[in-house]
Amino acid sequence: MALHPNGVNHLAISTRDIKAQIEFFTDVLGAELKALYWMHGVDNTFHGFVELSPECYVAFVQHPDNPDTLELGVTHAGNAGGPVAAGAMQHVAFNVNSLDDLLALRDRIRSRGVPVIGPIDHGLCQSMYFAGPEGLSLEVACGGAIDGQAWVDPEVVALVGISAEELERYRRPAAYERPAQPVPQPALDWSKPQLAYPEGRLERILAVPDEAFWHSVTNVAPVPAAEAAG
């Protein structure tokens, strides 16, 4: 069996108004609120989750130092074709199972006073576009699995500098078999992607054994099970 991520467990969106985000995603999109609590290991920060499916959520992070800057082309794209800083979320597309579901959700969104563009038939999927709070650029799509032979354009492959050998590797990533013993933390290599922490802190974090991290944060629901059931 190929080892790779099999979906998105949650997409975390930064916010200065977690209540407004929850209001939008529950009322406009119909996603149920499933979690709202102090973020583990982060001072004075709220964390919330709304459910798209039992394995997929949109999360929100309200940190007291989140800036209120919204600059189109830098912090936000503004629409599904706009420029934005590299590494930032250009837009996010949520899934529904059919074109009929797409049209029903279009009508729900419009009934809340939010304009929707589409649906549009892209060939590999059908989708529609709309805005969310704090400059979010959102999409809902349906269409199922993408045909990787039909939708990898040789012209674009050449323009981005992908060789024939690289393309074959991208189409069929190498298999991985987990060894009997855990792989140790690699030496810090700044040519690799690294999480951003204040100077010296990343080195200290990477030196902490995995077992210590497992027990380092609160892992108990904030509402006792008996109360939650009631």
C-alpha atoms as a PDB file:
ATOM      1  CA  MET A   1       0.000   0.000   0.000  1.00  0.00           C
ATOM      2  CA  ALA A   2       1.306   3.456  -0.914  1.00  0.00           C
ATOM      3  CA  LEU A   3       2.088   5.640   2.098  1.00  0.00           C
ATOM      4  CA  HIS A   4       0.930   9.238   1.681  1.00  0.00           C
ATOM      5  CA  PRO A   5      -1.581  11.628   3.293  1.00  0.00           C
ATOM      6  CA  ASN A   6      -5.130  10.536   2.366  1.00  0.00           C
ATOM      7  CA  GLY A   7      -6.969  13.810   2.864  1.00  0.00           C
ATOM      8  CA  VAL A   8      -6.963  17.118   4.705  1.00  0.00           C
ATOM      9  CA  ASN A   9      -7.734  16.641   8.401  1.00  0.00           C
ATOM     10  CA  HIS A  10      -8.046  20.384   8.915  1.00  0.00           C
ATOM     11  CA  LEU A  11      -7.167  23.654   7.244  1.00  0.00           C
ATOM     12  CA  ALA A  12      -6.251  26.272   9.866  1.00  0.00           C
ATOM     13  CA  ILE A  13      -7.206  29.862   9.028  1.00  0.00           C
ATOM     14  CA  SER A  14      -5.872  32.830  10.967  1.00  0.00           C
ATOM     15  CA  THR A  15      -8.546  35.202  12.281  1.00  0.00           C
ATOM     16  CA  ARG A  16      -9.028  38.274  14.440  1.00  0.00           C
ATOM     17  CA  ASP A  17     -12.741  37.445  14.904  1.00  0.00           C
ATOM     18  CA  ILE A  18     -13.307  33.739  15.453  1.00  0.00           C
ATOM     19  CA  LYS A  19     -16.997  34.308  16.203  1.00  0.00           C
ATOM     20  CA  ALA A  20     -17.539  35.929  12.783  1.00  0.00           C
ATOM     21  CA  GLN A  21     -15.813  33.000  11.059  1.00  0.00           C
ATOM     22  CA  ILE A  22     -17.902  30.477  12.997  1.00  0.00           C
ATOM     23  CA  GLU A  23     -21.070  32.404  12.164  1.00  0.00           C
ATOM     24  CA  PHE A  24     -20.234  32.360   8.438  1.00  0.00           C
ATOM     25  CA  PHE A  25     -19.210  28.711   8.198  1.00  0.00           C
ATOM     26  CA  THR A  26     -22.171  27.442  10.241  1.00  0.00           C
ATOM     27  CA  ASP A  27     -24.937  29.678   8.869  1.00  0.00           C
ATOM     28  CA  VAL A  28     -23.838  30.332   5.277  1.00  0.00           C
ATOM     29  CA  LEU A  29     -22.214  26.941   4.578  1.00  0.00           C
ATOM     30  CA  GLY A  30     -24.038  24.749   7.106  1.00  0.00           C
ATOM     31  CA  ALA A  31     -20.901  23.278   8.723  1.00  0.00           C
ATOM     32  CA  GLU A  32     -21.394  22.273  12.377  1.00  0.00           C
ATOM     33  CA  LEU A  33     -19.259  23.733  15.158  1.00  0.00           C
ATOM     34  CA  LYS A  34     -17.344  20.866  16.742  1.00  0.00           C
ATOM     35  CA  ALA A  35     -14.634  22.467  18.896  1.00  0.00           C
ATOM     36  CA  LEU A  36     -13.823  25.828  20.492  1.00  0.00           C
ATOM     37  CA  TYR A  37     -11.133  25.938  23.184  1.00  0.00           C
ATOM     38  CA  TRP A  38      -7.831  27.456  24.334  1.00  0.00           C
ATOM     39  CA  MET A  39      -5.196  26.423  21.783  1.00  0.00           C
ATOM     40  CA  HIS A  40      -2.832  23.841  23.245  1.00  0.00           C
ATOM     41  CA  GLY A  41       0.591  25.251  24.024  1.00  0.00           C
ATOM     42  CA  VAL A  42      -0.159  28.783  22.757  1.00  0.00           C
ATOM     43  CA  ASP A  43      -0.889  31.573  25.246  1.00  0.00           C
ATOM     44  CA  ASN A  44      -4.109  33.608  25.003  1.00  0.00           C
ATOM     45  CA  THR A  45      -5.134  31.961  21.724  1.00  0.00           C
ATOM     46  CA  PHE A  46      -8.485  30.447  20.735  1.00  0.00           C
ATOM     47  CA  HIS A  47      -8.838  27.413  18.448  1.00  0.00           C
ATOM     48  CA  GLY A  48     -12.107  26.443  16.753  1.00  0.00           C
ATOM     49  CA  PHE A  49     -13.176  23.663  14.369  1.00  0.00           C
ATOM     50  CA  VAL A  50     -16.192  23.316  12.070  1.00  0.00           C
ATOM     51  CA  GLU A  51     -16.903  19.968  10.430  1.00  0.00           C
ATOM     52  CA  LEU A  52     -16.993  19.296   6.686  1.00  0.00           C
ATOM     53  CA  SER A  53     -17.019  15.529   7.280  1.00  0.00           C
ATOM     54  CA  PRO A  54     -16.014  13.351  10.246  1.00  0.00           C
ATOM     55  CA  GLU A  55     -12.450  13.294   8.874  1.00  0.00           C
ATOM     56  CA  CYS A  56     -12.217  16.856   7.524  1.00  0.00           C
ATOM     57  CA  TYR A  57     -12.496  20.226   9.285  1.00  0.00           C
ATOM     58  CA  VAL A  58     -11.880  23.933   8.847  1.00  0.00           C
ATOM     59  CA  ALA A  59     -10.088  25.345  11.878  1.00  0.00           C
ATOM     60  CA  PHE A  60      -9.608  28.923  13.063  1.00  0.00           C
ATOM     61  CA  VAL A  61      -6.790  30.387  15.141  1.00  0.00           C
ATOM     62  CA  GLN A  62      -7.424  33.685  16.950  1.00  0.00           C
ATOM     63  CA  HIS A  63      -4.039  34.813  18.280  1.00  0.00           C
ATOM     64  CA  PRO A  64      -3.875  38.159  20.137  1.00  0.00           C
ATOM     65  CA  ASP A  65      -1.040  39.312  17.866  1.00  0.00           C
ATOM     66  CA  ASN A  66      -2.715  38.466  14.553  1.00  0.00           C
ATOM     67  CA  PRO A  67      -2.297  41.600  12.401  1.00  0.00           C
ATOM     68  CA  ASP A  68      -5.310  43.270  10.807  1.00  0.00           C
ATOM     69  CA  THR A  69      -3.480  43.963   7.536  1.00  0.00           C
ATOM     70  CA  LEU A  70      -5.274  42.871   4.360  1.00  0.00           C
ATOM     71  CA  GLU A  71      -3.264  43.743   1.262  1.00  0.00           C
ATOM     72  CA  LEU A  72      -4.491  42.297  -2.022  1.00  0.00           C
ATOM     73  CA  GLY A  73      -1.683  40.669  -3.961  1.00  0.00           C
ATOM     74  CA  VAL A  74       0.420  40.224  -0.825  1.00  0.00           C
ATOM     75  CA  THR A  75      -1.557  38.795   2.117  1.00  0.00           C
ATOM     76  CA  HIS A  76      -4.700  37.873   0.145  1.00  0.00           C
ATOM     77  CA  ALA A  77      -5.477  36.978  -3.460  1.00  0.00           C
ATOM     78  CA  GLY A  78      -9.023  38.359  -3.334  1.00  0.00           C
ATOM     79  CA  ASN A  79     -10.271  35.927  -5.975  1.00  0.00           C
ATOM     80  CA  ALA A  80      -9.352  32.517  -7.360  1.00  0.00           C
ATOM     81  CA  GLY A  81      -7.085  33.996 -10.057  1.00  0.00           C
ATOM     82  CA  GLY A  82      -5.359  36.787  -8.152  1.00  0.00           C
ATOM     83  CA  PRO A  83      -1.680  36.966  -7.129  1.00  0.00           C
ATOM     84  CA  VAL A  84      -0.603  36.495  -3.508  1.00  0.00           C
ATOM     85  CA  ALA A  85       2.645  35.940  -1.600  1.00  0.00           C
ATOM     86  CA  ALA A  86       4.302  32.582  -2.273  1.00  0.00           C
ATOM     87  CA  GLY A  87       3.350  30.021   0.362  1.00  0.00           C
ATOM     88  CA  ALA A  88       0.082  31.794   1.238  1.00  0.00           C
ATOM     89  CA  MET A  89      -3.309  30.216   0.567  1.00  0.00           C
ATOM     90  CA  GLN A  90      -4.456  31.448  -2.842  1.00  0.00           C
ATOM     91  CA  HIS A  91      -7.932  29.962  -2.380  1.00  0.00           C
ATOM     92  CA  VAL A  92      -9.487  26.845  -0.877  1.00  0.00           C
ATOM     93  CA  ALA A  93     -12.075  24.628  -2.574  1.00  0.00           C
ATOM     94  CA  PHE A  94     -14.492  22.518  -0.541  1.00  0.00           C
ATOM     95  CA  ASN A  95     -16.009  19.338  -1.981  1.00  0.00           C
ATOM     96  CA  VAL A  96     -19.599  18.226  -2.565  1.00  0.00           C
ATOM     97  CA  ASN A  97     -20.679  14.950  -4.151  1.00  0.00           C
ATOM     98  CA  SER A  98     -22.749  16.100  -7.128  1.00  0.00           C
ATOM     99  CA  LEU A  99     -23.717  19.013  -9.337  1.00  0.00           C
ATOM    100  CA  ASP A 100     -27.150  18.995  -7.698  1.00  0.00           C
ATOM    101  CA  ASP A 101     -25.506  19.392  -4.280  1.00  0.00           C
ATOM    102  CA  LEU A 102     -23.388  22.212  -5.707  1.00  0.00           C
ATOM    103  CA  LEU A 103     -26.480  24.052  -6.945  1.00  0.00           C
ATOM    104  CA  ALA A 104     -28.272  23.531  -3.634  1.00  0.00           C
ATOM    105  CA  LEU A 105     -25.325  24.989  -1.734  1.00  0.00           C
ATOM    106  CA  ARG A 106     -25.146  27.875  -4.206  1.00  0.00           C
ATOM    107  CA  ASP A 107     -28.752  28.697  -3.336  1.00  0.00           C
ATOM    108  CA  ARG A 108     -28.078  28.439   0.416  1.00  0.00           C
ATOM    109  CA  ILE A 109     -25.116  30.819   0.160  1.00  0.00           C
ATOM    110  CA  ARG A 110     -27.061  33.336  -1.934  1.00  0.00           C
ATOM    111  CA  SER A 111     -30.000  33.126   0.479  1.00  0.00           C
ATOM    112  CA  ARG A 112     -27.648  34.544   3.146  1.00  0.00           C
ATOM    113  CA  GLY A 113     -26.884  37.561   0.973  1.00  0.00           C
ATOM    114  CA  VAL A 114     -23.471  36.341  -0.245  1.00  0.00           C
ATOM    115  CA  PRO A 115     -22.921  36.559  -4.044  1.00  0.00           C
ATOM    116  CA  VAL A 116     -21.782  33.375  -5.821  1.00  0.00           C
ATOM    117  CA  ILE A 117     -20.051  33.207  -9.224  1.00  0.00           C
ATOM    118  CA  GLY A 118     -20.836  30.010 -11.117  1.00  0.00           C
ATOM    119  CA  PRO A 119     -21.074  27.140 -11.343  1.00  0.00           C
ATOM    120  CA  ILE A 120     -18.364  26.821 -13.992  1.00  0.00           C
ATOM    121  CA  ASP A 121     -17.494  23.592 -15.801  1.00  0.00           C
ATOM    122  CA  HIS A 122     -13.690  23.288 -15.678  1.00  0.00           C
ATOM    123  CA  GLY A 123     -13.684  19.839 -17.262  1.00  0.00           C
ATOM    124  CA  LEU A 124     -11.812  18.192 -14.401  1.00  0.00           C
ATOM    125  CA  CYS A 125     -14.412  19.549 -11.952  1.00  0.00           C
ATOM    126  CA  GLN A 126     -17.398  21.874 -11.696  1.00  0.00           C
ATOM    127  CA  SER A 127     -17.205  24.677  -9.182  1.00  0.00           C
ATOM    128  CA  MET A 128     -18.409  28.061  -7.913  1.00  0.00           C
ATOM    129  CA  TYR A 129     -16.685  30.964  -6.170  1.00  0.00           C
ATOM    130  CA  PHE A 130     -17.523  33.358  -3.341  1.00  0.00           C
ATOM    131  CA  ALA A 131     -15.882  35.361  -0.544  1.00  0.00           C
ATOM    132  CA  GLY A 132     -15.647  34.655   3.163  1.00  0.00           C
ATOM    133  CA  PRO A 133     -14.885  36.867   6.162  1.00  0.00           C
ATOM    134  CA  GLU A 134     -11.531  38.642   6.448  1.00  0.00           C
ATOM    135  CA  GLY A 135     -10.763  38.418   2.744  1.00  0.00           C
ATOM    136  CA  LEU A 136     -11.070  34.650   2.272  1.00  0.00           C
ATOM    137  CA  SER A 137     -11.338  33.446  -1.324  1.00  0.00           C
ATOM    138  CA  LEU A 138     -13.522  30.325  -1.322  1.00  0.00           C
ATOM    139  CA  GLU A 139     -14.712  27.717  -3.813  1.00  0.00           C
ATOM    140  CA  VAL A 140     -16.980  24.669  -3.728  1.00  0.00           C
ATOM    141  CA  ALA A 141     -16.384  21.925  -6.299  1.00  0.00           C
ATOM    142  CA  CYS A 142     -17.560  18.496  -7.415  1.00  0.00           C
ATOM    143  CA  GLY A 143     -16.300  16.116 -10.041  1.00  0.00           C
ATOM    144  CA  GLY A 144     -14.523  13.155  -8.493  1.00  0.00           C
ATOM    145  CA  ALA A 145     -11.082  11.807  -9.364  1.00  0.00           C
ATOM    146  CA  ILE A 146      -8.875  13.684 -11.864  1.00  0.00           C
ATOM    147  CA  ASP A 147      -7.540  11.802 -14.892  1.00  0.00           C
ATOM    148  CA  GLY A 148      -3.794  12.340 -14.506  1.00  0.00           C
ATOM    149  CA  GLN A 149      -3.079  11.388 -18.108  1.00  0.00           C
ATOM    150  CA  ALA A 150      -5.538  13.890 -19.578  1.00  0.00           C
ATOM    151  CA  TRP A 151      -4.821  16.848 -17.302  1.00  0.00           C
ATOM    152  CA  VAL A 152      -1.014  17.073 -17.239  1.00  0.00           C
ATOM    153  CA  ASP A 153      -0.278  19.496 -20.102  1.00  0.00           C
ATOM    154  CA  PRO A 154       3.081  18.792 -21.825  1.00  0.00           C
ATOM    155  CA  GLU A 155       3.507  22.485 -22.639  1.00  0.00           C
ATOM    156  CA  VAL A 156       3.180  23.522 -18.999  1.00  0.00           C
ATOM    157  CA  VAL A 157       5.401  20.633 -17.895  1.00  0.00           C
ATOM    158  CA  ALA A 158       8.152  22.013 -20.133  1.00  0.00           C
ATOM    159  CA  LEU A 159       7.602  25.643 -19.108  1.00  0.00           C
ATOM    160  CA  VAL A 160       8.030  24.880 -15.381  1.00  0.00           C
ATOM    161  CA  GLY A 161      11.190  22.874 -16.078  1.00  0.00           C
ATOM    162  CA  ILE A 162      10.044  19.325 -15.350  1.00  0.00           C
ATOM    163  CA  SER A 163      12.045  16.641 -17.165  1.00  0.00           C
ATOM    164  CA  ALA A 164      10.610  13.363 -18.422  1.00  0.00           C
ATOM    165  CA  GLU A 165      12.339  11.526 -15.567  1.00  0.00           C
ATOM    166  CA  GLU A 166      10.975  13.962 -12.993  1.00  0.00           C
ATOM    167  CA  LEU A 167       7.470  13.715 -14.425  1.00  0.00           C
ATOM    168  CA  GLU A 168       7.546   9.934 -14.098  1.00  0.00           C
ATOM    169  CA  ARG A 169       8.692  10.307 -10.478  1.00  0.00           C
ATOM    170  CA  TYR A 170       5.932  12.797  -9.740  1.00  0.00           C
ATOM    171  CA  ARG A 171       3.308  10.510 -11.252  1.00  0.00           C
ATOM    172  CA  ARG A 172       4.554   7.504  -9.265  1.00  0.00           C
ATOM    173  CA  PRO A 173       6.221   8.648  -6.028  1.00  0.00           C
ATOM    174  CA  ALA A 174       8.614   6.182  -4.465  1.00  0.00           C
ATOM    175  CA  ALA A 175       7.127   3.668  -2.050  1.00  0.00           C
ATOM    176  CA  TYR A 176       8.205   3.788   1.581  1.00  0.00           C
ATOM    177  CA  GLU A 177       8.367   0.956   4.069  1.00  0.00           C
ATOM    178  CA  ARG A 178       8.542   2.002   7.695  1.00  0.00           C
ATOM    179  CA  PRO A 179      11.651   0.580   9.393  1.00  0.00           C
ATOM    180  CA  ALA A 180      11.465  -1.504  12.538  1.00  0.00           C
ATOM    181  CA  GLN A 181      12.957   1.336  14.628  1.00  0.00           C
ATOM    182  CA  PRO A 182      11.789   4.978  14.574  1.00  0.00           C
ATOM    183  CA  VAL A 183      13.814   7.288  12.348  1.00  0.00           C
ATOM    184  CA  PRO A 184      15.756   9.769  14.531  1.00  0.00           C
ATOM    185  CA  GLN A 185      15.360  13.504  14.115  1.00  0.00           C
ATOM    186  CA  PRO A 186      17.696  14.617  11.291  1.00  0.00           C
ATOM    187  CA  ALA A 187      20.382  17.222  11.834  1.00  0.00           C
ATOM    188  CA  LEU A 188      19.065  20.744  11.354  1.00  0.00           C
ATOM    189  CA  ASP A 189      19.553  21.660   7.685  1.00  0.00           C
ATOM    190  CA  TRP A 190      18.535  25.210   6.754  1.00  0.00           C
ATOM    191  CA  SER A 191      18.301  24.221   3.078  1.00  0.00           C
ATOM    192  CA  LYS A 192      15.200  22.205   4.039  1.00  0.00           C
ATOM    193  CA  PRO A 193      11.828  23.732   5.001  1.00  0.00           C
ATOM    194  CA  GLN A 194      11.839  24.597   8.720  1.00  0.00           C
ATOM    195  CA  LEU A 195       9.183  25.874  11.119  1.00  0.00           C
ATOM    196  CA  ALA A 196       9.742  29.481  12.181  1.00  0.00           C
ATOM    197  CA  TYR A 197      10.531  30.119  15.845  1.00  0.00           C
ATOM    198  CA  PRO A 198      12.602  32.768  17.660  1.00  0.00           C
ATOM    199  CA  GLU A 199      16.352  32.326  17.310  1.00  0.00           C
ATOM    200  CA  GLY A 200      17.614  29.264  19.138  1.00  0.00           C
ATOM    201  CA  ARG A 201      14.175  27.906  20.028  1.00  0.00           C
ATOM    202  CA  LEU A 202      13.836  25.566  17.044  1.00  0.00           C
ATOM    203  CA  GLU A 203      17.074  23.853  17.997  1.00  0.00           C
ATOM    204  CA  ARG A 204      15.780  23.309  21.531  1.00  0.00           C
ATOM    205  CA  ILE A 205      12.423  22.022  20.284  1.00  0.00           C
ATOM    206  CA  LEU A 206      14.025  19.544  17.889  1.00  0.00           C
ATOM    207  CA  ALA A 207      16.131  18.179  20.737  1.00  0.00           C
ATOM    208  CA  VAL A 208      13.007  17.176  22.722  1.00  0.00           C
ATOM    209  CA  PRO A 209      12.255  13.414  22.425  1.00  0.00           C
ATOM    210  CA  ASP A 210       9.008  12.474  20.658  1.00  0.00           C
ATOM    211  CA  GLU A 211       7.703  10.844  23.837  1.00  0.00           C
ATOM    212  CA  ALA A 212       8.088  14.104  25.751  1.00  0.00           C
ATOM    213  CA  PHE A 213       6.108  15.993  23.111  1.00  0.00           C
ATOM    214  CA  TRP A 214       3.328  13.421  23.309  1.00  0.00           C
ATOM    215  CA  HIS A 215       2.790  14.329  26.980  1.00  0.00           C
ATOM    216  CA  SER A 216       3.580  18.044  26.743  1.00  0.00           C
ATOM    217  CA  VAL A 217       0.100  19.533  26.162  1.00  0.00           C
ATOM    218  CA  THR A 218      -3.391  19.146  27.597  1.00  0.00           C
ATOM    219  CA  ASN A 219      -5.129  16.318  25.767  1.00  0.00           C
ATOM    220  CA  VAL A 220      -8.426  16.223  27.657  1.00  0.00           C
ATOM    221  CA  ALA A 221     -11.674  17.735  26.349  1.00  0.00           C
ATOM    222  CA  PRO A 222     -12.574  20.949  28.226  1.00  0.00           C
ATOM    223  CA  VAL A 223     -16.133  19.693  28.929  1.00  0.00           C
ATOM    224  CA  PRO A 224     -16.373  16.471  30.995  1.00  0.00           C
ATOM    225  CA  ALA A 225     -17.946  13.562  29.092  1.00  0.00           C
ATOM    226  CA  ALA A 226     -21.002  13.446  31.368  1.00  0.00           C
ATOM    227  CA  GLU A 227     -21.776  17.109  30.758  1.00  0.00           C
ATOM    228  CA  ALA A 228     -21.159  16.782  27.007  1.00  0.00           C
ATOM    229  CA  ALA A 229     -23.584  13.837  26.825  1.00  0.00           C
ATOM    230  CA  GLY A 230     -26.222  15.851  28.675  1.00  0.00           C
END
